[in-house]
Amino acid sequence: MRTVDARTTAVAATSTFTTRCCQRRCDCVICLPGGVGTLDETFEAAALLHTGLWSWRPICLVNVDGYYD
């Protein structure tokens, strides 16, 4: 098991760069209720898995109070 330091802060110029940094470091994707940006990042992760550009990672869509129904 690897140790994660949650105290690390990174400043990025664009949200795309932030997403790329998170994608490189993540072990899974957890999608909580949110807006269009949340869905965009979720579908981008699914597309990366589908095209084989990412090694296998679980994607968890958390449907709080039927938000995604």
Protein backbone atom coordinates (compact mmCIF):
# COMPACT_ATOMS: atom_id res chain seq x y z
CA MET A 1 0.00 0.00 0.00
CA ARG A 2 1.35 3.41 -0.87
CA THR A 3 1.21 6.44 1.37
CA VAL A 4 -0.73 9.48 0.17
CA ASP A 5 0.10 12.90 1.52
CA ALA A 6 -3.16 14.85 1.50
CA ARG A 7 -1.34 18.01 2.57
CA THR A 8 0.20 18.50 -0.87
CA THR A 9 -1.20 21.49 -2.74
CA ALA A 10 -0.79 22.12 -6.45
CA VAL A 11 -1.79 25.21 -8.41
CA ALA A 12 -2.71 24.68 -12.06
CA ALA A 13 -3.36 27.20 -14.80
CA THR A 14 -6.30 25.31 -16.32
CA SER A 15 -8.86 22.75 -15.20
CA THR A 16 -7.66 20.43 -17.98
CA PHE A 17 -4.17 20.38 -16.48
CA THR A 18 -5.65 19.73 -13.02
CA THR A 19 -7.68 16.81 -14.40
CA ARG A 20 -4.62 15.31 -16.11
CA CYS A 21 -2.59 15.49 -12.89
CA CYS A 22 -5.37 13.79 -10.93
CA GLN A 23 -5.78 11.09 -13.58
CA ARG A 24 -2.09 10.20 -13.41
CA ARG A 25 -2.16 9.83 -9.63
CA CYS A 26 -5.53 8.18 -9.00
CA ASP A 27 -6.28 4.56 -8.18
CA CYS A 28 -10.02 4.93 -8.84
CA VAL A 29 -12.59 7.53 -9.88
CA ILE A 30 -15.41 8.39 -7.48
CA CYS A 31 -18.14 10.57 -8.94
CA LEU A 32 -20.30 12.40 -6.41
CA PRO A 33 -23.38 14.46 -7.37
CA GLY A 34 -22.29 17.61 -9.13
CA GLY A 35 -22.75 19.53 -12.32
CA VAL A 36 -21.76 19.32 -15.95
CA GLY A 37 -18.04 19.39 -15.10
CA THR A 38 -18.42 16.34 -12.89
CA LEU A 39 -20.12 14.40 -15.67
CA ASP A 40 -17.50 15.59 -18.17
CA GLU A 41 -14.65 14.25 -16.04
CA THR A 42 -16.51 10.98 -15.43
CA PHE A 43 -17.12 10.38 -19.12
CA GLU A 44 -13.53 11.36 -19.92
CA ALA A 45 -12.31 8.70 -17.47
CA ALA A 46 -14.65 6.14 -19.04
CA ALA A 47 -13.38 7.05 -22.52
CA LEU A 48 -9.75 6.66 -21.42
CA LEU A 49 -10.53 3.20 -20.07
CA HIS A 50 -12.51 2.22 -23.18
CA THR A 51 -9.76 3.28 -25.59
CA GLY A 52 -7.04 1.58 -23.56
CA LEU A 53 -5.17 4.82 -22.80
CA TRP A 54 -5.58 4.07 -19.08
CA SER A 55 -4.87 0.86 -17.27
CA TRP A 56 -7.85 -0.62 -15.45
CA ARG A 57 -9.30 1.60 -12.72
CA PRO A 58 -12.71 1.33 -11.11
CA ILE A 59 -15.23 4.12 -11.68
CA CYS A 60 -17.83 4.54 -8.93
CA LEU A 61 -20.91 6.69 -9.55
CA VAL A 62 -22.42 7.60 -6.16
CA ASN A 63 -26.16 8.16 -6.64
CA VAL A 64 -27.02 10.16 -3.49
CA ASP A 65 -30.79 10.53 -3.00
CA GLY A 66 -31.45 9.49 -6.62
CA TYR A 67 -29.48 12.44 -8.05
CA TYR A 68 -28.59 10.59 -11.26
CA ASP A 69 -31.99 8.88 -11.74
